[in-house]
Amino acid sequence: MKTIQTQSEFKALSEDEIVKALDEFENLFPEDEELDVDVEPENPIVAEVARLISEYTNRFDDYCEKAEDELPEEIFNYEPEVMIERVAYEIFMDAVHDAMQEEDEAE
């Protein structure tokens, strides 16, 4: 999978700092309400995670268009080196996994 990189100011963040920023953003929304994906986060860490997830999604869509029936194994084995990239990729892969399960259940 082609490397997607974070901006330099986010490279040294710890997982705790990233998770804290994401939790604070999530807490802005009532529990019974889904997160509004169109909301622009004020926290730059959350905005960068959202940008990375968007980049991973675009890359995945490109693979899906080219691969037809089978996805390259590298998508599932990809391990970003920088923590914020890892967190974003994990969120992205959780969404892919959920979508694949929903697709299997629908069949």
N, C-alpha and C. Protein backbone atom coordinates (compact mmCIF):
# COMPACT_ATOMS: atom_id res chain seq x y z
N MET A 1 0.86 -1.18 0.00
CA MET A 1 0.00 0.00 0.00
C MET A 1 0.90 1.23 0.00
N LYS A 2 0.60 2.15 -0.86
CA LYS A 2 1.41 3.36 -0.94
C LYS A 2 1.36 4.09 0.40
N THR A 3 2.50 4.55 0.82
CA THR A 3 2.61 5.21 2.11
C THR A 3 1.88 6.55 2.10
N ILE A 4 1.10 6.75 3.13
CA ILE A 4 0.42 8.02 3.36
C ILE A 4 1.06 8.58 4.62
N GLN A 5 1.53 9.80 4.54
CA GLN A 5 2.28 10.34 5.66
C GLN A 5 1.58 11.52 6.32
N THR A 6 1.81 11.59 7.61
CA THR A 6 1.29 12.69 8.40
C THR A 6 2.17 13.92 8.22
N GLN A 7 1.64 15.04 8.59
CA GLN A 7 2.41 16.27 8.58
C GLN A 7 3.42 16.21 9.73
N SER A 8 4.55 16.85 9.57
CA SER A 8 5.66 16.72 10.52
C SER A 8 5.30 17.10 11.96
N GLU A 9 4.41 18.06 12.15
CA GLU A 9 4.09 18.48 13.52
C GLU A 9 3.33 17.43 14.33
N PHE A 10 2.85 16.37 13.67
CA PHE A 10 2.09 15.33 14.36
C PHE A 10 2.90 14.05 14.57
N LYS A 11 4.11 13.99 14.05
CA LYS A 11 4.89 12.76 14.07
C LYS A 11 5.32 12.31 15.46
N ALA A 12 5.50 13.23 16.39
CA ALA A 12 6.00 12.87 17.72
C ALA A 12 4.89 12.63 18.74
N LEU A 13 3.65 12.74 18.34
CA LEU A 13 2.55 12.56 19.29
C LEU A 13 2.49 11.13 19.80
N SER A 14 2.15 11.01 21.08
CA SER A 14 1.97 9.68 21.67
C SER A 14 0.55 9.19 21.39
N GLU A 15 0.36 7.90 21.55
CA GLU A 15 -0.97 7.33 21.37
C GLU A 15 -1.95 7.95 22.38
N ASP A 16 -1.50 8.18 23.60
CA ASP A 16 -2.36 8.78 24.63
C ASP A 16 -2.85 10.17 24.21
N GLU A 17 -1.96 10.98 23.65
CA GLU A 17 -2.34 12.32 23.21
C GLU A 17 -3.38 12.26 22.08
N ILE A 18 -3.19 11.34 21.18
CA ILE A 18 -4.10 11.20 20.04
C ILE A 18 -5.47 10.71 20.51
N VAL A 19 -5.46 9.67 21.33
CA VAL A 19 -6.72 9.11 21.84
C VAL A 19 -7.47 10.13 22.67
N LYS A 20 -6.74 10.90 23.48
CA LYS A 20 -7.38 11.94 24.30
C LYS A 20 -8.08 12.96 23.40
N ALA A 21 -7.43 13.41 22.35
CA ALA A 21 -8.03 14.37 21.43
C ALA A 21 -9.26 13.79 20.75
N LEU A 22 -9.18 12.52 20.33
CA LEU A 22 -10.33 11.87 19.68
C LEU A 22 -11.49 11.70 20.66
N ASP A 23 -11.17 11.31 21.90
CA ASP A 23 -12.22 11.15 22.91
C ASP A 23 -12.91 12.48 23.21
N GLU A 24 -12.13 13.55 23.34
CA GLU A 24 -12.71 14.87 23.60
C GLU A 24 -13.63 15.29 22.46
N PHE A 25 -13.23 15.00 21.23
CA PHE A 25 -14.08 15.33 20.08
C PHE A 25 -15.36 14.51 20.11
N GLU A 26 -15.22 13.22 20.37
CA GLU A 26 -16.39 12.34 20.40
C GLU A 26 -17.36 12.75 21.51
N ASN A 27 -16.83 13.25 22.61
CA ASN A 27 -17.67 13.65 23.75
C ASN A 27 -18.48 14.92 23.47
N LEU A 28 -18.20 15.59 22.36
CA LEU A 28 -18.98 16.77 21.98
C LEU A 28 -20.38 16.39 21.48
N PHE A 29 -20.57 15.10 21.18
CA PHE A 29 -21.82 14.63 20.62
C PHE A 29 -22.56 13.75 21.61
N PRO A 30 -23.88 13.89 21.67
CA PRO A 30 -24.66 13.02 22.57
C PRO A 30 -24.45 11.55 22.21
N GLU A 31 -24.52 10.69 23.22
CA GLU A 31 -24.29 9.26 23.00
C GLU A 31 -25.26 8.63 22.02
N ASP A 32 -26.50 9.07 22.01
CA ASP A 32 -27.50 8.45 21.15
C ASP A 32 -27.49 9.03 19.73
N GLU A 33 -26.52 9.86 19.45
CA GLU A 33 -26.43 10.52 18.15
C GLU A 33 -25.12 10.11 17.47
N GLU A 34 -25.20 9.80 16.17
CA GLU A 34 -23.98 9.45 15.45
C GLU A 34 -23.14 10.70 15.25
N LEU A 35 -21.84 10.48 15.13
CA LEU A 35 -20.95 11.60 14.85
C LEU A 35 -21.25 12.15 13.47
N ASP A 36 -21.29 13.44 13.36
CA ASP A 36 -21.53 14.09 12.08
C ASP A 36 -20.19 14.19 11.35
N VAL A 37 -20.06 13.42 10.27
CA VAL A 37 -18.79 13.38 9.56
C VAL A 37 -18.48 14.69 8.84
N ASP A 38 -19.46 15.57 8.73
CA ASP A 38 -19.24 16.85 8.07
C ASP A 38 -18.77 17.94 9.02
N VAL A 39 -18.71 17.62 10.31
CA VAL A 39 -18.25 18.59 11.30
C VAL A 39 -16.73 18.73 11.17
N GLU A 40 -16.28 19.96 11.04
CA GLU A 40 -14.84 20.23 10.98
C GLU A 40 -14.31 20.31 12.41
N PRO A 41 -13.44 19.39 12.80
CA PRO A 41 -12.90 19.43 14.16
C PRO A 41 -11.99 20.64 14.37
N GLU A 42 -12.12 21.24 15.53
CA GLU A 42 -11.27 22.38 15.86
C GLU A 42 -9.88 21.92 16.28
N ASN A 43 -9.80 20.75 16.88
CA ASN A 43 -8.53 20.23 17.34
C ASN A 43 -7.72 19.76 16.13
N PRO A 44 -6.50 20.27 15.94
CA PRO A 44 -5.69 19.89 14.77
C PRO A 44 -5.32 18.41 14.75
N ILE A 45 -5.23 17.78 15.92
CA ILE A 45 -4.92 16.35 15.96
C ILE A 45 -6.08 15.56 15.35
N VAL A 46 -7.29 15.90 15.74
CA VAL A 46 -8.47 15.22 15.21
C VAL A 46 -8.60 15.48 13.71
N ALA A 47 -8.33 16.70 13.29
CA ALA A 47 -8.39 17.03 11.87
C ALA A 47 -7.36 16.22 11.07
N GLU A 48 -6.19 16.01 11.64
CA GLU A 48 -5.16 15.23 10.95
C GLU A 48 -5.55 13.76 10.88
N VAL A 49 -6.11 13.22 11.94
CA VAL A 49 -6.59 11.83 11.91
C VAL A 49 -7.66 11.69 10.83
N ALA A 50 -8.58 12.64 10.76
CA ALA A 50 -9.63 12.60 9.75
C ALA A 50 -9.04 12.67 8.34
N ARG A 51 -8.02 13.50 8.15
CA ARG A 51 -7.37 13.61 6.84
C ARG A 51 -6.71 12.29 6.45
N LEU A 52 -6.02 11.69 7.41
CA LEU A 52 -5.36 10.41 7.14
C LEU A 52 -6.37 9.32 6.79
N ILE A 53 -7.47 9.26 7.55
CA ILE A 53 -8.51 8.27 7.27
C ILE A 53 -9.06 8.49 5.86
N SER A 54 -9.27 9.72 5.50
CA SER A 54 -9.76 10.05 4.15
C SER A 54 -8.77 9.57 3.09
N GLU A 55 -7.49 9.77 3.33
CA GLU A 55 -6.46 9.32 2.38
C GLU A 55 -6.45 7.80 2.29
N TYR A 56 -6.54 7.11 3.43
CA TYR A 56 -6.58 5.64 3.42
C TYR A 56 -7.82 5.15 2.67
N THR A 57 -8.94 5.83 2.87
CA THR A 57 -10.17 5.45 2.19
C THR A 57 -10.05 5.62 0.68
N ASN A 58 -9.49 6.73 0.26
CA ASN A 58 -9.30 6.96 -1.18
C ASN A 58 -8.39 5.90 -1.78
N ARG A 59 -7.31 5.57 -1.07
CA ARG A 59 -6.37 4.56 -1.56
C ARG A 59 -7.06 3.20 -1.65
N PHE A 60 -7.85 2.87 -0.64
CA PHE A 60 -8.58 1.61 -0.62
C PHE A 60 -9.56 1.54 -1.79
N ASP A 61 -10.26 2.63 -2.03
CA ASP A 61 -11.21 2.67 -3.15
C ASP A 61 -10.49 2.44 -4.47
N ASP A 62 -9.29 3.01 -4.62
CA ASP A 62 -8.50 2.79 -5.83
C ASP A 62 -8.14 1.31 -5.98
N TYR A 63 -7.73 0.68 -4.88
CA TYR A 63 -7.41 -0.75 -4.92
C TYR A 63 -8.64 -1.56 -5.31
N CYS A 64 -9.78 -1.22 -4.75
CA CYS A 64 -11.01 -1.96 -5.04
C CYS A 64 -11.37 -1.86 -6.52
N GLU A 65 -11.20 -0.70 -7.09
CA GLU A 65 -11.51 -0.52 -8.51
C GLU A 65 -10.60 -1.37 -9.38
N LYS A 66 -9.33 -1.47 -9.02
CA LYS A 66 -8.36 -2.20 -9.83
C LYS A 66 -8.38 -3.69 -9.57
N ALA A 67 -8.69 -4.10 -8.36
CA ALA A 67 -8.56 -5.49 -7.95
C ALA A 67 -9.74 -6.37 -8.36
N GLU A 68 -10.85 -5.79 -8.64
CA GLU A 68 -12.08 -6.51 -8.99
C GLU A 68 -12.55 -7.42 -7.86
N ASP A 69 -12.10 -8.68 -7.82
CA ASP A 69 -12.62 -9.63 -6.84
C ASP A 69 -11.79 -9.79 -5.58
N GLU A 70 -10.49 -9.50 -5.66
CA GLU A 70 -9.63 -9.78 -4.53
C GLU A 70 -8.75 -8.59 -4.18
N LEU A 71 -8.70 -8.29 -2.91
CA LEU A 71 -7.87 -7.19 -2.46
C LEU A 71 -6.45 -7.68 -2.18
N PRO A 72 -5.47 -6.85 -2.49
CA PRO A 72 -4.08 -7.24 -2.18
C PRO A 72 -3.88 -7.42 -0.67
N GLU A 73 -3.14 -8.44 -0.31
CA GLU A 73 -2.88 -8.75 1.09
C GLU A 73 -2.20 -7.60 1.82
N GLU A 74 -1.45 -6.78 1.09
CA GLU A 74 -0.72 -5.69 1.72
C GLU A 74 -1.64 -4.69 2.42
N ILE A 75 -2.87 -4.61 1.99
CA ILE A 75 -3.82 -3.72 2.66
C ILE A 75 -4.03 -4.16 4.10
N PHE A 76 -4.09 -5.45 4.31
CA PHE A 76 -4.36 -5.98 5.65
C PHE A 76 -3.09 -6.12 6.49
N ASN A 77 -1.93 -6.08 5.84
CA ASN A 77 -0.66 -6.23 6.55
C ASN A 77 0.08 -4.90 6.73
N TYR A 78 -0.46 -3.84 6.20
CA TYR A 78 0.20 -2.54 6.25
C TYR A 78 0.30 -2.05 7.69
N GLU A 79 1.48 -1.60 8.09
CA GLU A 79 1.70 -1.07 9.44
C GLU A 79 2.42 0.26 9.36
N PRO A 80 1.70 1.35 9.51
CA PRO A 80 2.35 2.66 9.49
C PRO A 80 3.37 2.78 10.62
N GLU A 81 4.40 3.57 10.38
CA GLU A 81 5.48 3.72 11.36
C GLU A 81 5.20 4.77 12.42
N VAL A 82 4.44 5.79 12.08
CA VAL A 82 4.17 6.90 12.99
C VAL A 82 2.85 6.65 13.73
N MET A 83 2.82 6.96 15.02
CA MET A 83 1.66 6.63 15.85
C MET A 83 0.35 7.19 15.33
N ILE A 84 0.31 8.44 14.93
CA ILE A 84 -0.96 9.02 14.47
C ILE A 84 -1.45 8.30 13.21
N GLU A 85 -0.51 7.87 12.38
CA GLU A 85 -0.87 7.10 11.19
C GLU A 85 -1.42 5.73 11.58
N ARG A 86 -0.81 5.12 12.61
CA ARG A 86 -1.31 3.83 13.09
C ARG A 86 -2.73 3.94 13.63
N VAL A 87 -2.97 4.97 14.43
CA VAL A 87 -4.30 5.17 15.00
C VAL A 87 -5.32 5.38 13.89
N ALA A 88 -5.00 6.23 12.93
CA ALA A 88 -5.92 6.49 11.82
C ALA A 88 -6.16 5.23 11.00
N TYR A 89 -5.09 4.47 10.75
CA TYR A 89 -5.24 3.25 9.95
C TYR A 89 -6.08 2.20 10.68
N GLU A 90 -5.90 2.12 11.98
CA GLU A 90 -6.70 1.18 12.77
C GLU A 90 -8.18 1.55 12.71
N ILE A 91 -8.49 2.82 12.84
CA ILE A 91 -9.88 3.27 12.73
C ILE A 91 -10.43 2.94 11.34
N PHE A 92 -9.63 3.22 10.32
CA PHE A 92 -10.03 2.92 8.95
C PHE A 92 -10.27 1.42 8.77
N MET A 93 -9.34 0.58 9.23
CA MET A 93 -9.49 -0.86 9.06
C MET A 93 -10.67 -1.42 9.85
N ASP A 94 -10.95 -0.84 11.01
CA ASP A 94 -12.15 -1.26 11.76
C ASP A 94 -13.40 -1.00 10.93
N ALA A 95 -13.44 0.14 10.25
CA ALA A 95 -14.59 0.47 9.40
C ALA A 95 -14.67 -0.49 8.21
N VAL A 96 -13.54 -0.84 7.63
CA VAL A 96 -13.52 -1.80 6.52
C VAL A 96 -14.02 -3.15 7.00
N HIS A 97 -13.53 -3.59 8.14
CA HIS A 97 -13.95 -4.86 8.71
C HIS A 97 -15.46 -4.87 8.96
N ASP A 98 -15.98 -3.80 9.56
CA ASP A 98 -17.42 -3.71 9.82
C ASP A 98 -18.22 -3.76 8.52
N ALA A 99 -17.75 -3.06 7.50
CA ALA A 99 -18.46 -3.05 6.21
C ALA A 99 -18.43 -4.43 5.57
N MET A 100 -17.32 -5.15 5.70
CA MET A 100 -17.23 -6.49 5.12
C MET A 100 -18.16 -7.45 5.85
N GLN A 101 -18.27 -7.29 7.16
CA GLN A 101 -19.17 -8.14 7.94
C GLN A 101 -20.62 -7.87 7.55
N GLU A 102 -20.98 -6.60 7.40
CA GLU A 102 -22.34 -6.24 7.01
C GLU A 102 -22.66 -6.81 5.63
N GLU A 103 -21.68 -6.77 4.74
CA GLU A 103 -21.87 -7.32 3.39
C GLU A 103 -22.09 -8.82 3.45
N ASP A 104 -21.30 -9.51 4.28
CA ASP A 104 -21.46 -10.97 4.44
C ASP A 104 -22.82 -11.32 5.03
N GLU A 105 -23.28 -10.54 5.99
CA GLU A 105 -24.56 -10.79 6.63
C GLU A 105 -25.73 -10.55 5.67
N ALA A 106 -25.54 -9.63 4.74
CA ALA A 106 -26.60 -9.32 3.78
C ALA A 106 -26.75 -10.41 2.72
N GLU A 107 -25.70 -11.18 2.53
CA GLU A 107 -25.76 -12.24 1.48
C GLU A 107 -26.48 -13.46 1.92
